[in-house]
Amino acid sequence: MRRSEDKADSEASKLISDPRVYIRALAKITIMNLGPMKIGKILEKFETHPSPIKRMLKIARKHGIPEDEVKEIIDQVLKEITQQ
């Protein structure tokens, strides 16, 4: 299932002209669903999907987006949601 998730993320980020939009969408979905961005190593072994932050960082690396920019995107999404 993890490989399928990786492939889906990879294909989706290719279809969108800016992979930052996909990273932003993942962040927003996670925050709106009150899900954790990061999962502990032990719990992650039992999960069917990688943690959202790992997914976002993998997409970022693939497209040459710095890790700091991913954190800024997450912070921006969180700020926008809390201001609503």
Protein backbone atom coordinates (compact mmCIF):
# COMPACT_ATOMS: atom_id res chain seq x y z
CA MET A 1 0.00 0.00 0.00
CA ARG A 2 2.88 2.36 0.75
CA ARG A 3 4.31 1.89 -2.74
CA SER A 4 0.89 2.63 -4.19
CA GLU A 5 0.66 5.78 -2.09
CA ASP A 6 4.12 6.88 -3.24
CA LYS A 7 3.18 6.28 -6.87
CA ALA A 8 -0.10 8.16 -6.47
CA ASP A 9 1.70 11.12 -4.88
CA SER A 10 4.31 11.09 -7.62
CA GLU A 11 1.76 11.01 -10.43
CA ALA A 12 -0.48 13.65 -8.82
CA SER A 13 2.42 16.03 -8.27
CA LYS A 14 3.35 15.64 -11.96
CA LEU A 15 -0.18 16.49 -13.10
CA ILE A 16 -0.22 19.74 -11.14
CA SER A 17 1.91 22.48 -12.65
CA ASP A 18 3.38 23.38 -9.25
CA PRO A 19 4.07 20.54 -6.77
CA ARG A 20 3.77 23.12 -3.97
CA VAL A 21 0.01 23.09 -4.62
CA TYR A 22 -0.06 19.34 -3.96
CA ILE A 23 2.04 19.74 -0.80
CA ARG A 24 -0.35 22.46 0.34
CA ALA A 25 -3.36 20.21 -0.34
CA LEU A 26 -1.84 17.37 1.70
CA ALA A 27 -1.14 19.79 4.55
CA LYS A 28 -4.67 21.18 4.45
CA ILE A 29 -6.31 17.74 4.37
CA THR A 30 -4.19 16.59 7.31
CA ILE A 31 -4.86 19.69 9.40
CA MET A 32 -8.59 19.80 8.61
CA ASN A 33 -8.93 16.13 9.58
CA LEU A 34 -6.98 16.83 12.81
CA GLY A 35 -4.47 14.20 11.75
CA PRO A 36 -0.88 14.11 12.91
CA MET A 37 1.77 15.42 10.51
CA LYS A 38 4.31 13.02 11.92
CA ILE A 39 3.93 9.49 13.25
CA GLY A 40 6.38 7.84 15.63
CA LYS A 41 8.71 5.22 14.15
CA ILE A 42 7.10 2.34 16.04
CA LEU A 43 3.54 3.29 15.08
CA GLU A 44 4.55 4.00 11.50
CA LYS A 45 5.52 0.35 11.03
CA PHE A 46 1.85 -0.57 11.52
CA GLU A 47 0.40 2.19 9.33
CA THR A 48 -0.64 1.52 5.76
CA HIS A 49 0.41 5.01 4.64
CA PRO A 50 3.57 6.99 5.31
CA SER A 51 3.13 10.03 7.54
CA PRO A 52 1.91 13.16 5.76
CA ILE A 53 5.16 15.03 6.47
CA LYS A 54 7.19 12.21 4.92
CA ARG A 55 4.96 12.30 1.86
CA MET A 56 5.32 16.08 1.54
CA LEU A 57 9.08 15.99 2.00
CA LYS A 58 9.48 13.21 -0.57
CA ILE A 59 7.55 15.23 -3.15
CA ALA A 60 9.60 18.30 -2.27
CA ARG A 61 12.92 16.46 -2.71
CA LYS A 62 11.80 15.06 -6.04
CA HIS A 63 11.03 18.57 -7.31
CA GLY A 64 13.96 20.39 -5.69
CA ILE A 65 11.87 22.24 -3.12
CA PRO A 66 13.80 22.96 0.10
CA GLU A 67 12.56 21.41 3.35
CA ASP A 68 12.24 24.87 4.90
CA GLU A 69 9.78 25.84 2.18
CA VAL A 70 7.62 22.80 3.01
CA LYS A 71 7.55 23.91 6.65
CA GLU A 72 6.56 27.42 5.52
CA ILE A 73 3.71 25.98 3.42
CA ILE A 74 2.44 23.98 6.41
CA ASP A 75 2.68 27.03 8.69
CA GLN A 76 0.82 29.16 6.14
CA VAL A 77 -1.99 26.60 5.82
CA LEU A 78 -2.27 26.34 9.60
CA LYS A 79 -2.43 30.13 9.92
CA GLU A 80 -5.13 30.38 7.24
CA ILE A 81 -7.25 27.69 8.86
CA THR A 82 -7.00 29.15 12.36
CA GLN A 83 -8.02 32.60 11.08
CA GLN A 84 -11.32 31.29 9.70
